[in-house]
Each structure stands twice: as C-alpha cells, then as structure tokens.
C-alpha cells in the first residue's frame, strides 16, 4: 500500500479465538476487501474485489 493510502480498519472475525490461533484479519474498503495474517501484520496483505469476497464467504458458510 502506498504511503498516501487511507489507513484501513482491520478486524478479525467474531469466531476467532483469543488463544492466538491461526487467523486472518480483513479491512473493507470501497473497491476491495483486504486480507492479512493476524499474527504477522508486517507481511503484505492481498485484496479481492468485494463481490468475489461475498461469493467466497457464501461458499464457506454453505460448507
């Protein structure tokens, strides 16, 4: 992300435990959903279009 980019509001799922389990954090922006490793936030995040994220979440919920 460039230095001029707006700061993202990262959050973990309410289903994430507090025991330090493997988790991801997401930040929802106008055009995309950004995803990062919650245990190593120094690693680069990746992003997907919001519609793709919705389809992924729907797929996981149905599994």
C-alpha atoms as a PDB file:
ATOM      1  CA  UNK A   1       0.000   0.000   0.000  1.00  0.00           C
ATOM      2  CA  UNK A   2       1.368   3.417  -0.846  1.00  0.00           C
ATOM      3  CA  UNK A   3       2.240   5.910   1.860  1.00  0.00           C
ATOM      4  CA  UNK A   4      -0.594   8.178   0.664  1.00  0.00           C
ATOM      5  CA  UNK A   5      -3.229   5.473   1.052  1.00  0.00           C
ATOM      6  CA  UNK A   6      -6.030   5.801   3.555  1.00  0.00           C
ATOM      7  CA  UNK A   7      -5.476   3.863   6.773  1.00  0.00           C
ATOM      8  CA  UNK A   8      -7.514   0.655   6.802  1.00  0.00           C
ATOM      9  CA  UNK A   9      -9.602  -0.515   9.775  1.00  0.00           C
ATOM     10  CA  UNK A  10      -8.539  -4.149  10.285  1.00  0.00           C
ATOM     11  CA  UNK A  11     -10.631  -6.639  12.263  1.00  0.00           C
ATOM     12  CA  UNK A  12     -10.849 -10.358  12.978  1.00  0.00           C
ATOM     13  CA  UNK A  13     -13.954 -12.475  12.816  1.00  0.00           C
ATOM     14  CA  UNK A  14     -16.040 -12.768  15.955  1.00  0.00           C
ATOM     15  CA  UNK A  15     -15.445 -16.516  15.555  1.00  0.00           C
ATOM     16  CA  UNK A  16     -11.695 -16.056  16.106  1.00  0.00           C
ATOM     17  CA  UNK A  17     -10.481 -17.240  19.468  1.00  0.00           C
ATOM     18  CA  UNK A  18      -8.188 -15.320  21.796  1.00  0.00           C
ATOM     19  CA  UNK A  19      -5.737 -18.225  22.133  1.00  0.00           C
ATOM     20  CA  UNK A  20      -3.502 -16.981  19.294  1.00  0.00           C
ATOM     21  CA  UNK A  21      -4.843 -19.456  16.768  1.00  0.00           C
ATOM     22  CA  UNK A  22      -4.192 -19.001  13.075  1.00  0.00           C
ATOM     23  CA  UNK A  23      -6.428 -16.147  11.973  1.00  0.00           C
ATOM     24  CA  UNK A  24      -6.755 -13.600   9.264  1.00  0.00           C
ATOM     25  CA  UNK A  25      -7.837 -10.018   9.542  1.00  0.00           C
ATOM     26  CA  UNK A  26      -9.816  -8.139   6.935  1.00  0.00           C
ATOM     27  CA  UNK A  27     -10.338  -4.500   6.113  1.00  0.00           C
ATOM     28  CA  UNK A  28     -13.236  -3.472   3.921  1.00  0.00           C
ATOM     29  CA  UNK A  29     -12.562  -0.627   1.530  1.00  0.00           C
ATOM     30  CA  UNK A  30     -14.760   0.957  -1.127  1.00  0.00           C
ATOM     31  CA  UNK A  31     -13.440  -1.178  -4.002  1.00  0.00           C
ATOM     32  CA  UNK A  32     -11.925  -4.227  -2.295  1.00  0.00           C
ATOM     33  CA  UNK A  33     -11.588  -6.387   0.782  1.00  0.00           C
ATOM     34  CA  UNK A  34      -8.017  -6.575   2.082  1.00  0.00           C
ATOM     35  CA  UNK A  35      -6.809  -9.717   3.866  1.00  0.00           C
ATOM     36  CA  UNK A  36      -3.713 -10.220   6.040  1.00  0.00           C
ATOM     37  CA  UNK A  37      -2.198 -12.682   8.509  1.00  0.00           C
ATOM     38  CA  UNK A  38      -3.151 -11.520  12.017  1.00  0.00           C
ATOM     39  CA  UNK A  39      -0.007 -12.994  13.568  1.00  0.00           C
ATOM     40  CA  UNK A  40       2.399 -11.306  11.129  1.00  0.00           C
ATOM     41  CA  UNK A  41       0.955  -7.984  10.026  1.00  0.00           C
ATOM     42  CA  UNK A  42       4.317  -6.950   8.540  1.00  0.00           C
ATOM     43  CA  UNK A  43       3.722  -9.353   5.649  1.00  0.00           C
ATOM     44  CA  UNK A  44       1.972  -7.895   2.611  1.00  0.00           C
ATOM     45  CA  UNK A  45      -1.803  -8.084   2.548  1.00  0.00           C
ATOM     46  CA  UNK A  46      -3.718  -9.099  -0.533  1.00  0.00           C
ATOM     47  CA  UNK A  47      -7.024  -7.809  -1.775  1.00  0.00           C
ATOM     48  CA  UNK A  48     -10.017  -9.101  -3.685  1.00  0.00           C
ATOM     49  CA  UNK A  49     -12.992  -7.344  -5.183  1.00  0.00           C
ATOM     50  CA  UNK A  50     -15.923  -7.040  -2.801  1.00  0.00           C
ATOM     51  CA  UNK A  51     -18.162  -9.230  -4.987  1.00  0.00           C
ATOM     52  CA  UNK A  52     -15.541 -12.001  -5.013  1.00  0.00           C
ATOM     53  CA  UNK A  53     -15.246 -11.777  -1.223  1.00  0.00           C
ATOM     54  CA  UNK A  54     -19.015 -12.100  -0.850  1.00  0.00           C
ATOM     55  CA  UNK A  55     -19.020 -15.197  -3.040  1.00  0.00           C
ATOM     56  CA  UNK A  56     -16.170 -16.716  -1.007  1.00  0.00           C
ATOM     57  CA  UNK A  57     -17.917 -16.052   2.320  1.00  0.00           C
ATOM     58  CA  UNK A  58     -21.143 -17.523   0.930  1.00  0.00           C
ATOM     59  CA  UNK A  59     -19.294 -20.633  -0.201  1.00  0.00           C
ATOM     60  CA  UNK A  60     -17.642 -21.097   3.207  1.00  0.00           C
ATOM     61  CA  UNK A  61     -20.941 -20.561   5.036  1.00  0.00           C
ATOM     62  CA  UNK A  62     -22.564 -23.282   2.932  1.00  0.00           C
ATOM     63  CA  UNK A  63     -19.740 -25.777   3.523  1.00  0.00           C
END
